[in-house]
Amino acid sequence: MKVTVFGRKMASVRTARRMFCAAAAPAPGSRWERLKNSKAAVWCRSLLSDYKEACRESVVGAWERPLKTSVYVSLLGGAWACSHTKPDQSSFEGALLERSNQLGLLSPWIRNGVSDGHVQGLVKLRNEGCLRYASLGLLCLVYRADYDPDAMLYEARCSNLSVPWRELPQRVLDVGFIGRWWILDSKMQDYDVNKEEYKHLPAHMQGTSPPSPQEVERNERLHRDSWLPLTMEDKEE
């Protein structure tokens, strides 16, 4: 009986001690204060402080070294312009079809052999599904593959038989940069001049030079005079 009474007294003492500790403990803060003092909030504040300090140092450095800053800004602006004016695969196919139509309007006797051969080769690869497009950030490449991507041949599916990257420079067909396909445009220069027609001429007659302003003015004057009516003078007796 004494043990039971002693146990009850000890339990009441522990209960009173708990109530006293709970009353002495500080009241917990609001949810916003707990969130503000959490580890994630402390990390975010330190990260923002680092970014703020980095921006401040960048502004101070740009003010102290304007020439270096202008060079960096120019390079970044040029890279951004190149990236946004880079042509895509659909633009290459459109340019290829347009060049093919231009050559198709000409007679085979007056087509430039280099232009016609290059365009016909690209059209053949496109019909076979062997043209590939690769974007490199500032520019893009069109290169030749051996098989169509939908081909189910073992040679086309086996990764060990794929073309190594070191052979890519030999397979490049065109380079897209600043909204142009440079190799296709260079091959289409003088596409309506068949140089095979002039290979039997002497060397000094194979090349032509643009006329001078005096010659152009003389030819225009002769052309205007050719449209004037003829004047007949009476024959004197």
Protein backbone atom coordinates (compact mmCIF):
# COMPACT_ATOMS: atom_id res chain seq x y z
CA MET A 1 0.00 0.00 0.00
CA LYS A 2 2.87 2.34 0.80
CA VAL A 3 4.53 1.49 -2.53
CA THR A 4 1.36 2.34 -4.44
CA VAL A 5 1.00 5.68 -2.70
CA PHE A 6 4.66 6.44 -3.32
CA GLY A 7 4.25 5.61 -7.03
CA ARG A 8 1.27 7.89 -7.31
CA LYS A 9 3.21 10.74 -5.71
CA MET A 10 6.11 10.26 -8.09
CA ALA A 11 3.75 10.26 -11.10
CA SER A 12 2.13 13.48 -9.91
CA VAL A 13 5.61 15.03 -9.46
CA ARG A 14 6.60 14.10 -13.03
CA THR A 15 3.33 15.51 -14.36
CA ALA A 16 3.86 18.78 -12.52
CA ARG A 17 7.45 18.98 -13.81
CA ARG A 18 6.27 18.51 -17.41
CA MET A 19 3.64 21.23 -17.01
CA PHE A 20 6.24 23.58 -15.52
CA CYS A 21 8.69 22.95 -18.40
CA ALA A 22 5.94 23.45 -20.97
CA ALA A 23 4.95 26.73 -19.33
CA ALA A 24 8.58 27.92 -19.15
CA ALA A 25 9.36 27.01 -22.80
CA PRO A 26 8.96 29.85 -25.32
CA ALA A 27 5.88 29.75 -27.47
CA PRO A 28 6.55 28.54 -31.01
CA GLY A 29 6.58 31.22 -33.69
CA SER A 30 4.24 31.54 -36.63
CA ARG A 31 4.44 29.37 -39.73
CA TRP A 32 6.14 32.16 -41.74
CA GLU A 33 8.86 32.54 -39.07
CA ARG A 34 9.50 28.79 -39.05
CA LEU A 35 9.73 28.79 -42.85
CA LYS A 36 12.04 31.79 -42.81
CA ASN A 37 14.40 30.12 -40.35
CA SER A 38 14.46 26.75 -42.10
CA LYS A 39 17.53 25.35 -43.86
CA ALA A 40 16.02 25.85 -47.32
CA ALA A 41 15.32 29.52 -46.60
CA VAL A 42 18.84 30.08 -45.31
CA TRP A 43 20.28 28.42 -48.46
CA CYS A 44 18.10 30.58 -50.74
CA ARG A 45 19.15 33.75 -48.95
CA SER A 46 22.82 32.87 -49.25
CA LEU A 47 22.37 32.05 -52.95
CA LEU A 48 20.63 35.37 -53.63
CA SER A 49 23.35 37.18 -51.73
CA ASP A 50 26.03 35.52 -53.88
CA TYR A 51 24.20 36.48 -57.09
CA LYS A 52 23.76 40.02 -55.84
CA GLU A 53 27.46 40.31 -55.09
CA ALA A 54 28.39 38.85 -58.47
CA CYS A 55 26.12 41.32 -60.30
CA ARG A 56 27.57 44.20 -58.33
CA GLU A 57 31.12 43.14 -59.20
CA SER A 58 30.15 42.77 -62.87
CA VAL A 59 28.72 46.29 -62.99
CA VAL A 60 31.77 47.74 -61.24
CA GLY A 61 34.12 45.83 -63.55
CA ALA A 62 32.24 46.97 -66.65
CA TRP A 63 32.44 50.58 -65.48
CA GLU A 64 36.18 50.32 -64.81
CA ARG A 65 37.04 48.44 -68.09
CA PRO A 66 34.62 49.62 -70.80
CA LEU A 67 36.70 48.35 -73.76
CA LYS A 68 36.88 44.80 -72.46
CA THR A 69 33.20 44.88 -71.61
CA SER A 70 32.25 46.10 -75.09
CA VAL A 71 34.25 43.25 -76.64
CA TYR A 72 32.52 40.69 -74.47
CA VAL A 73 29.10 42.17 -75.19
CA SER A 74 29.82 42.17 -78.92
CA LEU A 75 30.88 38.54 -78.82
CA LEU A 76 27.80 37.53 -76.87
CA GLY A 77 25.55 39.53 -79.19
CA GLY A 78 27.15 37.97 -82.25
CA ALA A 79 26.77 34.48 -80.83
CA TRP A 80 23.12 35.17 -80.02
CA ALA A 81 22.49 36.50 -83.56
CA CYS A 82 24.20 33.50 -85.16
CA SER A 83 22.21 31.12 -83.02
CA HIS A 84 18.86 32.73 -83.88
CA THR A 85 19.57 33.15 -87.62
CA LYS A 86 20.81 29.59 -88.06
CA PRO A 87 18.82 27.83 -90.83
CA ASP A 88 17.01 24.59 -90.12
CA GLN A 89 16.44 21.40 -92.10
CA SER A 90 13.21 22.59 -93.72
CA SER A 91 14.98 25.70 -95.05
CA PHE A 92 17.65 23.50 -96.68
CA GLU A 93 15.03 21.35 -98.36
CA GLY A 94 13.21 24.47 -99.56
CA ALA A 95 16.43 25.96 -100.93
CA LEU A 96 17.30 22.67 -102.64
CA LEU A 97 13.91 22.43 -104.33
CA GLU A 98 14.12 26.06 -105.43
CA ARG A 99 17.56 25.53 -107.00
CA SER A 100 16.33 22.38 -108.69
CA ASN A 101 13.39 24.29 -110.19
CA GLN A 102 15.73 27.03 -111.43
CA LEU A 103 17.85 24.47 -113.24
CA GLY A 104 14.76 22.68 -114.55
CA LEU A 105 13.66 25.85 -116.39
CA LEU A 106 16.89 25.84 -118.41
CA SER A 107 17.81 23.71 -121.37
CA PRO A 108 20.35 20.95 -120.62
CA TRP A 109 22.66 22.58 -123.18
CA ILE A 110 23.09 25.79 -121.21
CA ARG A 111 23.15 24.50 -117.63
CA ASN A 112 26.32 24.78 -115.65
CA GLY A 113 27.68 21.26 -115.21
CA VAL A 114 28.96 21.90 -111.67
CA SER A 115 25.66 23.37 -110.48
CA ASP A 116 23.55 20.70 -112.13
CA GLY A 117 25.68 17.82 -110.82
CA HIS A 118 25.73 19.15 -107.25
CA VAL A 119 21.98 19.78 -107.10
CA GLN A 120 21.07 16.47 -108.74
CA GLY A 121 23.30 14.62 -106.29
CA LEU A 122 21.62 16.31 -103.32
CA VAL A 123 18.16 15.56 -104.71
CA LYS A 124 19.10 11.90 -105.18
CA LEU A 125 20.34 11.64 -101.58
CA ARG A 126 17.20 13.36 -100.31
CA ASN A 127 14.94 10.92 -102.18
CA GLU A 128 16.91 8.01 -100.75
CA GLY A 129 16.62 9.40 -97.21
CA CYS A 130 20.39 9.69 -96.77
CA LEU A 131 20.59 13.37 -95.88
CA ARG A 132 21.23 14.19 -92.22
CA TYR A 133 21.01 17.50 -90.36
CA ALA A 134 23.17 18.35 -87.33
CA SER A 135 22.90 21.53 -85.24
CA LEU A 136 26.13 22.77 -83.64
CA GLY A 137 24.80 25.81 -81.81
CA LEU A 138 26.15 28.67 -83.92
CA LEU A 139 25.93 26.78 -87.24
CA CYS A 140 24.49 23.61 -88.69
CA LEU A 141 25.71 20.90 -91.03
CA VAL A 142 24.11 18.73 -93.69
CA TYR A 143 26.00 15.50 -94.25
CA ARG A 144 25.56 12.23 -96.09
CA ALA A 145 24.59 8.94 -94.47
CA ASP A 146 24.74 5.44 -95.92
CA TYR A 147 21.22 4.29 -95.13
CA ASP A 148 17.72 5.59 -94.60
CA PRO A 149 16.82 5.94 -90.87
CA ASP A 150 13.84 3.61 -91.39
CA ALA A 151 15.89 0.89 -93.07
CA MET A 152 15.82 -2.46 -91.26
CA LEU A 153 19.07 -3.81 -92.65
CA TYR A 154 21.61 -5.24 -90.25
CA GLU A 155 24.28 -2.84 -91.51
CA ALA A 156 21.99 0.12 -90.81
CA ARG A 157 21.05 -1.02 -87.29
CA CYS A 158 24.32 -2.37 -85.95
CA SER A 159 26.12 0.26 -83.86
CA ASN A 160 29.50 -1.38 -84.45
CA LEU A 161 29.16 -0.78 -88.19
CA SER A 162 28.13 2.88 -87.92
CA VAL A 163 30.23 5.60 -89.51
CA PRO A 164 32.89 6.96 -87.10
CA TRP A 165 32.92 10.67 -86.30
CA ARG A 166 36.36 11.15 -87.85
CA GLU A 167 34.81 10.60 -91.29
CA LEU A 168 32.27 13.39 -90.81
CA PRO A 169 34.37 16.12 -92.55
CA GLN A 170 34.44 14.00 -95.74
CA ARG A 171 30.67 13.57 -95.59
CA VAL A 172 29.69 17.20 -95.05
CA LEU A 173 27.62 18.49 -97.96
CA ASP A 174 26.69 21.98 -96.79
CA VAL A 175 27.13 24.47 -93.96
CA GLY A 176 24.30 26.66 -92.71
CA PHE A 177 25.35 29.93 -91.12
CA ILE A 178 23.62 33.34 -90.71
CA GLY A 179 20.57 32.24 -92.65
CA ARG A 180 22.45 30.92 -95.70
CA TRP A 181 23.59 27.61 -97.11
CA TRP A 182 27.05 28.57 -98.27
CA ILE A 183 28.12 25.60 -100.38
CA LEU A 184 24.80 25.44 -102.24
CA ASP A 185 24.92 29.16 -102.99
CA SER A 186 28.52 28.95 -104.20
CA LYS A 187 27.73 26.01 -106.49
CA MET A 188 24.80 27.92 -108.03
CA GLN A 189 26.91 30.85 -109.22
CA ASP A 190 26.59 31.19 -113.01
CA TYR A 191 24.25 28.21 -113.08
CA ASP A 192 22.98 29.31 -116.51
CA VAL A 193 26.42 29.36 -118.14
CA ASN A 194 27.67 26.10 -119.66
CA LYS A 195 31.42 26.40 -119.63
CA GLU A 196 31.78 23.31 -121.80
CA GLU A 197 30.62 25.38 -124.78
CA TYR A 198 33.63 27.67 -124.49
CA LYS A 199 36.41 25.16 -123.83
CA HIS A 200 37.31 25.02 -127.56
CA LEU A 201 37.82 28.79 -127.75
CA PRO A 202 41.21 30.42 -127.28
CA ALA A 203 42.25 31.25 -123.77
CA HIS A 204 41.81 35.01 -124.23
CA MET A 205 38.23 34.48 -125.41
CA GLN A 206 37.12 32.10 -122.66
CA GLY A 207 37.13 34.77 -119.98
CA THR A 208 34.92 37.84 -120.08
CA SER A 209 35.24 41.08 -118.19
CA PRO A 210 32.44 43.46 -117.24
CA PRO A 211 32.06 46.45 -119.58
CA SER A 212 33.28 49.87 -118.57
CA PRO A 213 30.82 52.72 -117.86
CA GLN A 214 31.74 54.32 -121.20
CA GLU A 215 30.90 51.15 -123.09
CA VAL A 216 27.61 50.77 -121.23
CA GLU A 217 26.65 54.37 -122.06
CA ARG A 218 27.59 53.88 -125.71
CA ASN A 219 25.52 50.70 -126.00
CA GLU A 220 22.50 52.39 -124.40
CA ARG A 221 22.82 55.34 -126.77
CA LEU A 222 22.97 53.05 -129.78
CA HIS A 223 19.93 51.16 -128.51
CA ARG A 224 17.94 54.38 -128.14
CA ASP A 225 19.00 55.55 -131.60
CA SER A 226 17.83 52.29 -133.14
CA TRP A 227 14.23 53.17 -132.23
CA LEU A 228 14.28 56.57 -133.94
CA PRO A 229 12.49 56.90 -137.29
CA LEU A 230 14.59 57.09 -140.39
CA THR A 231 14.88 60.44 -142.17
CA MET A 232 15.05 60.52 -145.93
CA GLU A 233 16.67 63.50 -147.63
CA ASP A 234 15.61 64.66 -151.09
CA LYS A 235 18.21 64.07 -153.77
CA GLU A 236 19.44 67.29 -155.20
CA GLU A 237 19.44 67.57 -159.00
